[in-house]
Amino acid sequence: MTLKNQAYPTQLELPGVLPKKNDSLKQMEEAIQSMLGLTWKTVLLHISPRSTKELMRQHGQLIALNDGEARIKVSSTPVLLMVIQKLPDVESAFRKAFGATVKIRLEV
């Protein structure tokens, strides 16, 4: 899987313009969420130490992966402050899982 130059659109058309396509859009969004979930589980398998892995499993979620950048949402500001210290472990897990360097952007 190549991470660079992949786009994960969240919306492909304006809502309400083509109402018959809403089901297709919903299916696309669900497929993207599923791919992001699988990608995140793969990264989690490669995170060490175990305490970092559990912190990210319980409080982190991969919400976007685009052009070498991963956006990870965490559950709260206190968790964000803990995760910032663990970023090298998360970046290393992406490299181990996919053989590519990924820039991590965190958000609450």
N, C-alpha and C. Protein backbone atom coordinates (compact mmCIF):
# COMPACT_ATOMS: atom_id res chain seq x y z
N MET A 1 0.84 -1.18 0.00
CA MET A 1 0.00 0.00 0.00
C MET A 1 0.88 1.23 0.00
N THR A 2 0.69 2.11 -0.94
CA THR A 2 1.44 3.35 -1.02
C THR A 2 0.62 4.46 -0.41
N LEU A 3 1.22 5.16 0.54
CA LEU A 3 0.49 6.21 1.24
C LEU A 3 0.56 7.54 0.50
N LYS A 4 1.63 7.78 -0.22
CA LYS A 4 1.81 9.06 -0.89
C LYS A 4 0.86 9.18 -2.08
N ASN A 5 0.29 10.33 -2.25
CA ASN A 5 -0.57 10.67 -3.38
C ASN A 5 -1.92 9.96 -3.37
N GLN A 6 -2.31 9.40 -2.26
CA GLN A 6 -3.65 8.84 -2.17
C GLN A 6 -4.57 9.89 -1.57
N ALA A 7 -5.75 10.00 -2.14
CA ALA A 7 -6.72 10.96 -1.61
C ALA A 7 -7.90 10.19 -1.03
N TYR A 8 -8.41 10.66 0.08
CA TYR A 8 -9.57 10.06 0.71
C TYR A 8 -10.66 11.13 0.82
N PRO A 9 -11.43 11.34 -0.25
CA PRO A 9 -12.44 12.39 -0.20
C PRO A 9 -13.57 12.03 0.76
N THR A 10 -14.08 13.02 1.45
CA THR A 10 -15.21 12.78 2.33
C THR A 10 -16.51 13.21 1.70
N GLN A 11 -16.44 13.99 0.64
CA GLN A 11 -17.65 14.41 -0.04
C GLN A 11 -17.33 14.57 -1.51
N LEU A 12 -18.13 13.96 -2.35
CA LEU A 12 -17.87 13.97 -3.78
C LEU A 12 -18.81 14.85 -4.56
N GLU A 13 -19.90 15.26 -3.96
CA GLU A 13 -20.86 16.12 -4.64
C GLU A 13 -21.60 16.94 -3.60
N LEU A 14 -22.21 18.00 -4.03
CA LEU A 14 -22.97 18.83 -3.11
C LEU A 14 -24.21 18.10 -2.65
N PRO A 15 -24.48 18.08 -1.34
CA PRO A 15 -25.68 17.41 -0.83
C PRO A 15 -26.94 18.02 -1.45
N GLY A 16 -27.87 17.16 -1.83
CA GLY A 16 -29.15 17.61 -2.34
C GLY A 16 -29.18 17.89 -3.83
N VAL A 17 -28.03 17.99 -4.48
CA VAL A 17 -28.01 18.29 -5.90
C VAL A 17 -28.51 17.09 -6.70
N LEU A 18 -28.02 15.93 -6.34
CA LEU A 18 -28.45 14.69 -7.00
C LEU A 18 -28.95 13.73 -5.92
N PRO A 19 -30.19 13.87 -5.47
CA PRO A 19 -30.67 13.10 -4.33
C PRO A 19 -30.58 11.59 -4.52
N LYS A 20 -30.67 11.09 -5.75
CA LYS A 20 -30.61 9.65 -5.97
C LYS A 20 -29.22 9.09 -5.67
N LYS A 21 -28.23 9.94 -5.63
CA LYS A 21 -26.86 9.49 -5.40
C LYS A 21 -26.49 9.49 -3.91
N ASN A 22 -27.37 9.94 -3.03
CA ASN A 22 -27.03 10.01 -1.62
C ASN A 22 -26.64 8.66 -1.05
N ASP A 23 -27.33 7.59 -1.47
CA ASP A 23 -26.97 6.27 -1.00
C ASP A 23 -25.57 5.90 -1.46
N SER A 24 -25.21 6.25 -2.68
CA SER A 24 -23.87 5.98 -3.18
C SER A 24 -22.83 6.75 -2.39
N LEU A 25 -23.10 8.00 -2.08
CA LEU A 25 -22.19 8.81 -1.30
C LEU A 25 -22.02 8.22 0.09
N LYS A 26 -23.11 7.80 0.69
CA LYS A 26 -23.04 7.19 2.02
C LYS A 26 -22.21 5.92 1.98
N GLN A 27 -22.39 5.11 0.95
CA GLN A 27 -21.61 3.89 0.81
C GLN A 27 -20.13 4.21 0.63
N MET A 28 -19.83 5.24 -0.14
CA MET A 28 -18.44 5.66 -0.34
C MET A 28 -17.82 6.10 0.99
N GLU A 29 -18.55 6.91 1.75
CA GLU A 29 -18.05 7.37 3.04
C GLU A 29 -17.82 6.20 3.98
N GLU A 30 -18.74 5.24 4.00
CA GLU A 30 -18.59 4.07 4.85
C GLU A 30 -17.38 3.25 4.43
N ALA A 31 -17.15 3.12 3.13
CA ALA A 31 -16.00 2.37 2.63
C ALA A 31 -14.70 3.06 3.05
N ILE A 32 -14.67 4.39 2.96
CA ILE A 32 -13.49 5.14 3.36
C ILE A 32 -13.23 4.98 4.85
N GLN A 33 -14.29 5.08 5.66
CA GLN A 33 -14.14 4.89 7.09
C GLN A 33 -13.63 3.50 7.42
N SER A 34 -14.11 2.51 6.69
CA SER A 34 -13.66 1.14 6.89
C SER A 34 -12.17 0.99 6.54
N MET A 35 -11.74 1.59 5.43
CA MET A 35 -10.33 1.54 5.04
C MET A 35 -9.44 2.24 6.07
N LEU A 36 -9.90 3.39 6.57
CA LEU A 36 -9.14 4.10 7.58
C LEU A 36 -9.05 3.26 8.87
N GLY A 37 -10.15 2.61 9.23
CA GLY A 37 -10.16 1.75 10.41
C GLY A 37 -9.19 0.59 10.28
N LEU A 38 -9.16 -0.04 9.12
CA LEU A 38 -8.24 -1.14 8.88
C LEU A 38 -6.79 -0.65 8.90
N THR A 39 -6.55 0.50 8.30
CA THR A 39 -5.21 1.09 8.30
C THR A 39 -4.76 1.38 9.73
N TRP A 40 -5.66 1.93 10.54
CA TRP A 40 -5.34 2.26 11.93
C TRP A 40 -5.02 1.00 12.71
N LYS A 41 -5.80 -0.06 12.52
CA LYS A 41 -5.53 -1.32 13.22
C LYS A 41 -4.16 -1.87 12.84
N THR A 42 -3.79 -1.72 11.59
CA THR A 42 -2.48 -2.17 11.13
C THR A 42 -1.38 -1.38 11.81
N VAL A 43 -1.55 -0.07 11.92
CA VAL A 43 -0.57 0.77 12.59
C VAL A 43 -0.46 0.38 14.06
N LEU A 44 -1.61 0.18 14.70
CA LEU A 44 -1.61 -0.19 16.12
C LEU A 44 -0.81 -1.46 16.38
N LEU A 45 -0.86 -2.40 15.45
CA LEU A 45 -0.09 -3.64 15.62
C LEU A 45 1.40 -3.38 15.71
N HIS A 46 1.87 -2.28 15.14
CA HIS A 46 3.29 -1.99 15.08
C HIS A 46 3.76 -0.97 16.12
N ILE A 47 2.85 -0.48 16.94
CA ILE A 47 3.24 0.51 17.96
C ILE A 47 3.82 -0.20 19.18
N SER A 48 4.96 0.31 19.62
CA SER A 48 5.51 -0.13 20.89
C SER A 48 6.08 1.12 21.56
N PRO A 49 6.10 1.19 22.85
CA PRO A 49 5.76 0.17 23.83
C PRO A 49 4.25 -0.08 23.95
N ARG A 50 3.93 -1.10 24.68
CA ARG A 50 2.53 -1.50 24.84
C ARG A 50 1.66 -0.38 25.43
N SER A 51 2.22 0.41 26.34
CA SER A 51 1.44 1.50 26.94
C SER A 51 1.02 2.52 25.88
N THR A 52 1.90 2.80 24.94
CA THR A 52 1.57 3.73 23.85
C THR A 52 0.52 3.11 22.94
N LYS A 53 0.67 1.83 22.66
CA LYS A 53 -0.30 1.13 21.82
C LYS A 53 -1.70 1.21 22.44
N GLU A 54 -1.79 0.96 23.74
CA GLU A 54 -3.10 1.00 24.42
C GLU A 54 -3.67 2.41 24.47
N LEU A 55 -2.81 3.39 24.71
CA LEU A 55 -3.26 4.78 24.71
C LEU A 55 -3.87 5.14 23.36
N MET A 56 -3.18 4.78 22.29
CA MET A 56 -3.66 5.11 20.95
C MET A 56 -4.89 4.28 20.57
N ARG A 57 -4.93 3.03 21.00
CA ARG A 57 -6.08 2.18 20.69
C ARG A 57 -7.34 2.71 21.38
N GLN A 58 -7.19 3.12 22.64
CA GLN A 58 -8.35 3.56 23.41
C GLN A 58 -8.79 4.99 23.11
N HIS A 59 -7.84 5.84 22.76
CA HIS A 59 -8.16 7.26 22.66
C HIS A 59 -7.88 7.89 21.29
N GLY A 60 -7.33 7.13 20.36
CA GLY A 60 -6.99 7.68 19.06
C GLY A 60 -7.81 7.07 17.94
N GLN A 61 -7.98 7.85 16.89
CA GLN A 61 -8.70 7.38 15.70
C GLN A 61 -8.09 8.05 14.47
N LEU A 62 -7.75 7.24 13.47
CA LEU A 62 -7.26 7.78 12.21
C LEU A 62 -8.45 8.31 11.44
N ILE A 63 -8.44 9.62 11.15
CA ILE A 63 -9.60 10.21 10.47
C ILE A 63 -9.30 10.63 9.04
N ALA A 64 -8.02 10.69 8.68
CA ALA A 64 -7.67 11.02 7.29
C ALA A 64 -6.25 10.57 7.02
N LEU A 65 -6.02 10.19 5.79
CA LEU A 65 -4.69 9.82 5.33
C LEU A 65 -4.56 10.32 3.91
N ASN A 66 -3.69 11.31 3.73
CA ASN A 66 -3.63 11.96 2.43
C ASN A 66 -2.23 12.50 2.18
N ASP A 67 -1.64 12.09 1.08
CA ASP A 67 -0.37 12.64 0.60
C ASP A 67 0.71 12.65 1.68
N GLY A 68 0.89 11.52 2.34
CA GLY A 68 1.95 11.39 3.33
C GLY A 68 1.66 12.02 4.67
N GLU A 69 0.40 12.38 4.92
CA GLU A 69 0.02 12.96 6.19
C GLU A 69 -1.15 12.19 6.78
N ALA A 70 -1.03 11.86 8.06
CA ALA A 70 -2.11 11.17 8.77
C ALA A 70 -2.69 12.12 9.81
N ARG A 71 -4.02 12.27 9.79
CA ARG A 71 -4.70 13.06 10.82
C ARG A 71 -5.28 12.08 11.83
N ILE A 72 -4.88 12.26 13.08
CA ILE A 72 -5.34 11.39 14.15
C ILE A 72 -6.10 12.24 15.16
N LYS A 73 -7.31 11.81 15.44
CA LYS A 73 -8.14 12.50 16.43
C LYS A 73 -8.00 11.77 17.76
N VAL A 74 -7.81 12.55 18.83
CA VAL A 74 -7.75 11.97 20.17
C VAL A 74 -8.92 12.49 20.99
N SER A 75 -9.19 11.80 22.08
CA SER A 75 -10.44 12.03 22.81
C SER A 75 -10.49 13.31 23.65
N SER A 76 -9.34 13.86 24.05
CA SER A 76 -9.37 15.05 24.91
C SER A 76 -8.02 15.77 24.86
N THR A 77 -8.01 16.97 25.40
CA THR A 77 -6.77 17.74 25.45
C THR A 77 -5.72 17.08 26.34
N PRO A 78 -6.08 16.55 27.52
CA PRO A 78 -5.06 15.85 28.32
C PRO A 78 -4.44 14.66 27.56
N VAL A 79 -5.25 13.94 26.82
CA VAL A 79 -4.72 12.83 26.01
C VAL A 79 -3.81 13.37 24.92
N LEU A 80 -4.22 14.47 24.30
CA LEU A 80 -3.40 15.09 23.27
C LEU A 80 -2.00 15.39 23.80
N LEU A 81 -1.93 15.94 25.00
CA LEU A 81 -0.63 16.28 25.59
C LEU A 81 0.22 15.03 25.83
N MET A 82 -0.42 13.92 26.19
CA MET A 82 0.32 12.66 26.35
C MET A 82 0.79 12.12 25.01
N VAL A 83 -0.09 12.18 24.01
CA VAL A 83 0.21 11.61 22.70
C VAL A 83 1.34 12.38 22.01
N ILE A 84 1.40 13.68 22.22
CA ILE A 84 2.47 14.47 21.61
C ILE A 84 3.83 13.88 21.97
N GLN A 85 3.98 13.43 23.21
CA GLN A 85 5.24 12.83 23.66
C GLN A 85 5.49 11.47 23.00
N LYS A 86 4.43 10.84 22.51
CA LYS A 86 4.54 9.50 21.93
C LYS A 86 4.61 9.51 20.40
N LEU A 87 4.63 10.69 19.79
CA LEU A 87 4.60 10.77 18.33
C LEU A 87 5.70 9.96 17.63
N PRO A 88 6.93 9.95 18.15
CA PRO A 88 7.94 9.13 17.47
C PRO A 88 7.55 7.65 17.38
N ASP A 89 6.88 7.14 18.41
CA ASP A 89 6.43 5.74 18.38
C ASP A 89 5.36 5.52 17.32
N VAL A 90 4.46 6.48 17.17
CA VAL A 90 3.39 6.38 16.18
C VAL A 90 3.96 6.51 14.77
N GLU A 91 4.86 7.46 14.58
CA GLU A 91 5.50 7.62 13.27
C GLU A 91 6.28 6.37 12.89
N SER A 92 6.97 5.79 13.84
CA SER A 92 7.72 4.56 13.60
C SER A 92 6.79 3.42 13.22
N ALA A 93 5.63 3.36 13.84
CA ALA A 93 4.66 2.30 13.52
C ALA A 93 4.17 2.42 12.08
N PHE A 94 3.94 3.64 11.61
CA PHE A 94 3.55 3.84 10.21
C PHE A 94 4.65 3.36 9.28
N ARG A 95 5.92 3.70 9.61
CA ARG A 95 7.05 3.26 8.77
C ARG A 95 7.14 1.74 8.73
N LYS A 96 6.99 1.11 9.91
CA LYS A 96 7.06 -0.35 9.97
C LYS A 96 5.92 -0.99 9.20
N ALA A 97 4.73 -0.43 9.33
CA ALA A 97 3.53 -1.02 8.70
C ALA A 97 3.52 -0.85 7.19
N PHE A 98 3.96 0.31 6.70
CA PHE A 98 3.78 0.62 5.29
C PHE A 98 5.05 1.01 4.55
N GLY A 99 6.18 1.06 5.26
CA GLY A 99 7.43 1.38 4.60
C GLY A 99 7.50 2.80 4.08
N ALA A 100 6.76 3.70 4.69
CA ALA A 100 6.75 5.09 4.25
C ALA A 100 6.73 6.01 5.47
N THR A 101 7.36 7.15 5.30
CA THR A 101 7.34 8.16 6.37
C THR A 101 6.04 8.95 6.25
N VAL A 102 5.35 9.06 7.37
CA VAL A 102 4.07 9.76 7.41
C VAL A 102 4.14 10.85 8.47
N LYS A 103 3.75 12.05 8.09
CA LYS A 103 3.67 13.15 9.04
C LYS A 103 2.36 13.01 9.81
N ILE A 104 2.43 13.15 11.12
CA ILE A 104 1.25 13.00 11.97
C ILE A 104 0.73 14.38 12.36
N ARG A 105 -0.57 14.57 12.17
CA ARG A 105 -1.22 15.80 12.65
C ARG A 105 -2.30 15.36 13.64
N LEU A 106 -2.22 15.89 14.85
CA LEU A 106 -3.16 15.53 15.91
C LEU A 106 -4.25 16.58 16.06
N GLU A 107 -5.43 16.12 16.45
CA GLU A 107 -6.52 17.04 16.77
C GLU A 107 -7.44 16.42 17.81
N VAL A 108 -8.15 17.29 18.50
CA VAL A 108 -9.09 16.84 19.55
C VAL A 108 -10.49 16.90 18.98
